[in-house]
Protein backbone atom coordinates (compact mmCIF):
# COMPACT_ATOMS: atom_id res chain seq x y z
CA MET A 1 -2.41 -104.12 -74.62
CA SER A 2 -1.66 -102.69 -71.27
CA ASP A 3 0.88 -103.37 -68.58
CA ALA A 4 1.01 -106.76 -66.94
CA LEU A 5 -0.06 -105.68 -63.48
CA PRO A 6 -3.68 -106.79 -63.84
CA THR A 7 -2.63 -110.39 -64.51
CA THR A 8 -1.04 -110.79 -61.08
CA PRO A 9 -2.99 -113.19 -58.84
CA LYS A 10 -2.62 -110.97 -55.78
CA ARG A 11 -5.94 -109.87 -54.33
CA TRP A 12 -5.76 -106.23 -53.32
CA ASP A 13 -7.75 -105.70 -50.13
CA LEU A 14 -8.92 -102.20 -49.20
CA ASP A 15 -8.81 -103.16 -45.52
CA GLN A 16 -5.08 -103.87 -45.83
CA VAL A 17 -4.23 -100.48 -47.39
CA VAL A 18 -2.62 -98.19 -44.81
CA ILE A 19 -4.81 -95.08 -45.03
CA PRO A 20 -6.92 -93.16 -42.49
CA PRO A 21 -10.17 -94.98 -41.62
CA SER A 22 -12.24 -92.02 -42.85
CA MET A 23 -10.60 -92.26 -46.28
CA ARG A 24 -11.21 -96.00 -46.42
CA GLU A 25 -14.89 -95.53 -45.64
CA ARG A 26 -15.21 -92.75 -48.23
CA ALA A 27 -13.59 -95.02 -50.83
CA ARG A 28 -15.87 -97.89 -49.94
CA ALA A 29 -18.95 -95.64 -50.05
CA LEU A 30 -17.93 -94.41 -53.50
CA VAL A 31 -17.76 -97.97 -54.82
CA ARG A 32 -21.12 -98.84 -53.23
CA GLN A 33 -22.76 -95.79 -54.80
CA ARG A 34 -21.36 -96.61 -58.22
CA ARG A 35 -22.46 -100.23 -57.98
CA ALA A 36 -25.98 -99.21 -56.95
CA ALA A 37 -26.24 -96.61 -59.73
CA ARG A 38 -24.93 -99.08 -62.28
CA ASP A 39 -27.43 -101.74 -61.21
CA ARG A 40 -30.30 -99.25 -61.53
CA ILE A 41 -29.17 -98.28 -65.02
CA LEU A 42 -28.77 -101.89 -66.12
CA ASP A 43 -32.30 -102.63 -64.93
CA PHE A 44 -33.66 -100.08 -67.43
CA SER A 45 -31.18 -100.62 -70.27
CA ARG A 46 -31.73 -103.32 -72.85
CA ASP A 47 -28.19 -103.30 -74.19
CA GLY A 48 -26.50 -102.79 -70.82
CA ALA A 49 -24.83 -99.55 -71.89
CA ILE A 50 -24.07 -97.10 -69.10
CA PRO A 51 -24.31 -93.45 -70.20
CA SER A 52 -22.07 -92.00 -67.48
CA GLY A 53 -18.83 -93.37 -66.10
CA LEU A 54 -16.67 -92.56 -63.12
CA ILE A 55 -13.23 -90.97 -62.75
CA VAL A 56 -11.29 -91.12 -59.47
CA VAL A 57 -8.00 -89.30 -58.92
CA ILE A 58 -5.42 -90.51 -56.37
CA SER A 59 -2.53 -88.11 -55.78
CA GLY A 60 0.55 -88.01 -53.59
CA MET A 61 4.31 -88.07 -53.72
CA SER A 62 6.10 -91.14 -55.01
CA GLY A 63 5.87 -94.09 -52.66
CA THR A 64 2.76 -93.04 -50.73
CA GLY A 65 0.69 -95.95 -52.04
CA LYS A 66 -1.29 -94.46 -54.91
CA THR A 67 -1.14 -97.57 -57.07
CA THR A 68 -1.98 -99.86 -54.14
CA LEU A 69 -5.07 -97.79 -53.29
CA ALA A 70 -6.15 -97.70 -56.94
CA LEU A 71 -5.89 -101.48 -57.27
CA ALA A 72 -7.68 -102.00 -53.96
CA LEU A 73 -10.51 -99.68 -55.04
CA ALA A 74 -10.82 -101.56 -58.31
CA ALA A 75 -10.89 -104.87 -56.45
CA GLU A 76 -13.53 -103.47 -54.09
CA SER A 77 -15.74 -102.95 -57.14
CA GLY A 78 -15.53 -106.69 -57.74
CA ALA A 79 -13.21 -106.80 -60.74
CA GLN A 80 -9.53 -107.23 -61.48
CA PRO A 81 -8.55 -104.01 -63.31
CA ASP A 82 -6.48 -103.38 -66.39
CA VAL A 83 -3.45 -101.17 -65.67
CA LEU A 84 -1.88 -98.76 -68.13
CA ARG A 85 1.05 -96.50 -67.32
CA GLN A 86 1.30 -93.07 -68.93
CA ALA A 87 4.79 -93.94 -70.18
CA THR A 88 3.23 -96.80 -72.14
CA ILE A 89 0.66 -94.47 -73.70
CA VAL A 90 3.43 -92.08 -74.76
CA ALA A 91 5.41 -94.95 -76.29
CA GLU A 92 2.40 -96.43 -78.09
CA PRO A 93 -0.70 -94.18 -78.14
CA THR A 94 -2.98 -96.91 -79.56
CA MET A 95 -2.57 -98.88 -76.33
CA PHE A 96 -5.06 -96.57 -74.59
CA ARG A 97 -7.74 -97.38 -77.14
CA ARG A 98 -7.03 -101.10 -76.89
CA ALA A 99 -7.09 -100.95 -73.09
CA TYR A 100 -10.37 -99.05 -72.74
CA GLU A 101 -12.08 -101.21 -75.36
CA ARG A 102 -11.07 -104.31 -73.43
CA CYS A 103 -12.25 -102.77 -70.15
CA VAL A 104 -15.61 -101.84 -71.63
CA ASP A 105 -16.05 -105.29 -73.20
CA GLU A 106 -15.15 -107.11 -69.97
CA ASP A 107 -16.77 -104.53 -67.64
CA ILE A 108 -13.60 -103.97 -65.59
CA PRO A 109 -11.97 -100.77 -64.26
CA LEU A 110 -9.00 -99.09 -65.94
CA VAL A 111 -6.12 -97.78 -63.83
CA LEU A 112 -4.04 -95.03 -65.47
CA ASP A 113 -0.92 -95.30 -63.35
CA GLY A 114 2.14 -93.08 -62.98
CA CYS A 115 0.62 -90.04 -64.67
CA THR A 116 2.44 -86.70 -64.82
CA LYS A 117 0.79 -84.10 -67.02
CA LEU A 118 -2.18 -85.17 -69.11
CA ASP A 119 -2.30 -83.29 -72.42
CA ALA A 120 -5.48 -81.72 -73.76
CA LEU A 121 -6.05 -84.22 -76.58
CA PHE A 122 -5.76 -87.18 -74.22
CA VAL A 123 -8.08 -85.53 -71.68
CA ASP A 124 -10.70 -84.91 -74.38
CA GLU A 125 -10.51 -88.55 -75.46
CA LEU A 126 -10.69 -89.80 -71.88
CA VAL A 127 -13.72 -87.65 -71.03
CA ARG A 128 -15.47 -88.80 -74.21
CA VAL A 129 -14.81 -92.47 -73.48
CA VAL A 130 -15.97 -92.22 -69.86
CA SER A 131 -19.11 -90.32 -70.85
CA GLU A 132 -20.08 -92.68 -73.66
CA THR A 133 -19.14 -96.06 -72.21
CA GLY A 134 -19.54 -95.79 -68.45
CA LEU A 135 -15.91 -96.74 -67.90
CA PHE A 136 -14.58 -96.71 -64.32
CA VAL A 137 -11.17 -94.97 -64.45
CA LEU A 138 -8.70 -94.50 -61.60
CA ILE A 139 -5.84 -92.05 -62.19
CA THR A 140 -2.69 -91.97 -60.04
CA ILE A 141 -0.64 -88.79 -60.27
CA ASP A 142 2.04 -87.13 -58.13
CA ASP A 143 0.82 -83.54 -58.55
CA PRO A 144 -2.94 -83.02 -58.98
CA ARG A 145 -2.30 -79.50 -60.27
CA GLN A 146 -1.20 -81.12 -63.53
CA ILE A 147 -4.77 -82.23 -64.24
CA ALA A 148 -6.70 -80.00 -66.63
CA ASP A 149 -9.87 -78.27 -65.47
CA ARG A 150 -11.88 -80.11 -68.12
CA LEU A 151 -10.96 -83.40 -66.50
CA TRP A 152 -11.61 -82.14 -62.96
CA SER A 153 -15.17 -81.39 -64.00
CA ARG A 154 -15.69 -85.14 -64.46
CA VAL A 155 -13.79 -86.33 -61.37
CA ALA A 156 -16.12 -87.96 -58.84
CA ALA A 157 -13.58 -88.22 -56.03
CA HIS A 158 -10.02 -87.15 -55.20
CA PHE A 159 -7.95 -89.01 -52.62
CA SER A 160 -4.80 -87.17 -51.55
CA LEU A 161 -2.20 -89.40 -49.88
CA GLU A 162 0.29 -87.87 -47.48
CA VAL A 163 3.65 -89.13 -46.25
CA PRO A 164 2.66 -91.70 -43.59
CA SER A 165 2.71 -90.75 -39.93
CA THR A 166 4.68 -92.75 -37.37
CA THR A 167 1.58 -94.77 -36.51
CA HIS A 168 0.93 -95.52 -40.17
CA ARG A 169 4.57 -96.47 -40.67
CA GLU A 170 4.21 -99.04 -37.88
CA GLN A 171 1.27 -100.51 -39.79
CA LEU A 172 3.33 -100.52 -43.00
CA TRP A 173 6.20 -102.41 -41.38
CA GLU A 174 3.73 -104.87 -39.88
CA ALA A 175 2.05 -105.40 -43.25
CA HIS A 176 5.25 -105.89 -45.24
CA LEU A 177 7.24 -108.17 -42.91
CA PRO A 178 7.30 -111.58 -44.64
CA LEU A 179 5.22 -114.32 -43.04
CA GLU A 180 7.25 -117.09 -44.65
CA ILE A 181 10.65 -116.03 -43.23
CA PRO A 182 11.48 -116.52 -39.52
CA LEU A 183 12.14 -113.36 -37.50
CA THR A 184 14.55 -113.16 -34.60
CA ASP A 185 13.45 -111.84 -31.23
CA GLY A 186 14.10 -108.17 -30.75
CA ILE A 187 12.62 -106.87 -33.99
CA ASP A 188 11.04 -103.57 -32.99
CA ILE A 189 8.74 -102.07 -35.61
CA VAL A 190 7.96 -99.13 -33.32
CA GLN A 191 11.64 -98.19 -33.37
CA LEU A 192 11.84 -98.67 -37.15
CA ALA A 193 8.77 -96.48 -37.68
CA SER A 194 10.03 -93.76 -35.34
CA ARG A 195 13.59 -93.71 -36.63
CA PHE A 196 13.00 -93.84 -40.39
CA ALA A 197 10.50 -91.53 -42.13
CA LEU A 198 9.90 -93.87 -45.05
CA THR A 199 7.01 -94.06 -47.48
CA GLY A 200 5.10 -97.27 -48.04
CA ALA A 201 7.14 -98.12 -51.13
CA GLN A 202 10.38 -97.51 -49.25
CA VAL A 203 9.24 -99.78 -46.41
CA ALA A 204 8.41 -102.51 -48.93
CA ASN A 205 11.82 -102.05 -50.57
CA ALA A 206 13.57 -102.10 -47.19
CA VAL A 207 11.94 -105.42 -46.32
CA ALA A 208 12.93 -106.88 -49.71
CA VAL A 209 16.51 -105.68 -49.32
CA SER A 210 16.74 -106.94 -45.73
CA THR A 211 15.59 -110.36 -46.92
CA HIS A 212 18.34 -110.24 -49.52
CA TYR A 213 20.86 -109.48 -46.76
CA ALA A 214 19.60 -112.41 -44.69
CA ALA A 215 19.74 -114.79 -47.65
CA ALA A 216 23.27 -113.70 -48.52
CA ARG A 217 24.38 -114.34 -44.93
CA ASN A 218 23.00 -117.88 -44.74
CA PRO A 219 21.16 -119.17 -47.85
CA SER A 220 20.25 -122.48 -46.22
CA ASP A 221 18.70 -120.95 -43.10
CA ILE A 222 17.25 -117.51 -43.80
CA VAL A 223 16.39 -115.62 -40.62
CA LEU A 224 15.58 -111.92 -40.63
CA THR A 225 17.18 -109.81 -37.90
CA MET A 226 16.68 -106.29 -36.60
CA ALA A 227 20.15 -105.45 -37.91
CA ASP A 228 19.07 -106.51 -41.42
CA LEU A 229 16.00 -104.28 -41.24
CA VAL A 230 17.90 -101.30 -39.85
CA ALA A 231 20.60 -101.58 -42.52
CA ALA A 232 17.99 -101.81 -45.28
CA ALA A 233 15.99 -98.90 -43.85
CA GLU A 234 19.13 -96.76 -43.67
CA GLU A 235 19.77 -97.66 -47.29
CA GLN A 236 16.28 -96.53 -48.33
CA ALA A 237 16.50 -93.35 -46.25
CA SER A 238 19.79 -92.30 -47.86
CA ALA A 239 19.76 -89.63 -50.57
CA ARG A 240 21.00 -92.10 -53.20
CA PRO A 241 19.94 -95.64 -52.33
CA ARG A 242 22.19 -98.25 -53.92
CA MET A 243 19.57 -100.99 -53.83
CA LEU A 244 15.92 -100.28 -54.56
CA ASP A 245 14.95 -103.92 -54.16
CA ALA A 246 16.52 -107.35 -54.23
CA ALA A 247 17.36 -108.47 -57.77
CA LEU A 248 17.31 -112.19 -56.98
CA TYR A 249 16.69 -113.34 -60.56
CA PRO A 250 18.36 -110.76 -62.82
CA ASN A 251 18.61 -112.92 -65.96
CA LEU A 252 15.06 -114.18 -66.39
CA THR A 253 13.28 -113.62 -69.71
CA THR A 254 9.55 -113.67 -70.42
CA ALA A 255 9.95 -117.14 -71.94
CA GLU A 256 10.86 -118.48 -68.49
CA LEU A 257 7.78 -117.05 -66.77
CA LEU A 258 4.80 -119.31 -66.16
CA LEU A 259 2.27 -117.17 -67.99
CA PRO A 260 -0.54 -117.75 -70.49
CA ASP A 261 0.54 -117.14 -74.08
CA ASP A 262 -1.63 -114.03 -74.47
CA VAL A 263 -0.15 -112.50 -71.32
CA ARG A 264 3.40 -113.25 -72.46
CA LEU A 265 2.63 -111.57 -75.79
CA ARG A 266 1.46 -108.48 -73.91
CA PHE A 267 4.73 -108.43 -72.01
CA ASP A 268 6.72 -108.76 -75.24
CA ASP A 269 4.72 -106.00 -76.95
CA LEU A 270 5.31 -103.67 -74.02
CA LEU A 271 9.05 -104.42 -73.91
CA SER A 272 9.32 -103.91 -77.66
CA ALA A 273 7.53 -100.56 -77.40
CA ALA A 274 9.90 -99.46 -74.64
CA GLN A 275 12.97 -100.52 -76.62
CA HIS A 276 11.83 -98.59 -79.68
CA ARG A 277 10.42 -95.59 -77.87
CA SER A 278 12.76 -93.09 -79.54
CA ALA A 279 11.76 -94.39 -82.95
CA ILE A 280 8.07 -94.07 -82.12
């Protein structure tokens, strides 16, 4: 029972991820090579078992787009991944076994998201699972130095994400501006990108917060202005941002979400594990 991210209907597109073109092509080539190798193995395997899996590491400081790239890589392979955060594994260790068994059964990638330091026992188990089942695992981690040598020996590729350049920040603003909300004339993404050295996550948060500002100003006629975007960007650039995103529906429970019963149960299990983490 892993986190609910994989159930989202959003289609992650590698072409929409703001990374250098050379990195995008390397990522795409990696997926092509794995698909070709897997097809060759399946042609000669009666039971469909794949003797050797794939581990990809994506590193970078918080907000540089590690999770987005991991999900896009998984989608590029043709499958919606299962996503498991390290905090969830710490709270309930059996969730890793449940997650990888599901991924193997359904032939989908597993994203281990938000990793810090992977302990030796977990690394041994991960290497064993990947070697025996052919699992495709993507690991996101802030500091790649926290990965044990034993795991590095099985890593097929490492993508290191840097704080975006001004040009990349322009692309981030362009990608995150909402299509469904009217924009006033005078919105200058070049100025926003040059003035505020934000990460991708901070740009996304700034757009969400600016939309909240616009809605608060005139709920019946929401129009996003340059002033809204500048104020939200200043908020994200401050040392202690007061608003990380717009909490438009703070009182919703899982019972009010339009989800299949099995997905809602996964949510409830995860919330219960988090609430009882100290006891575990």
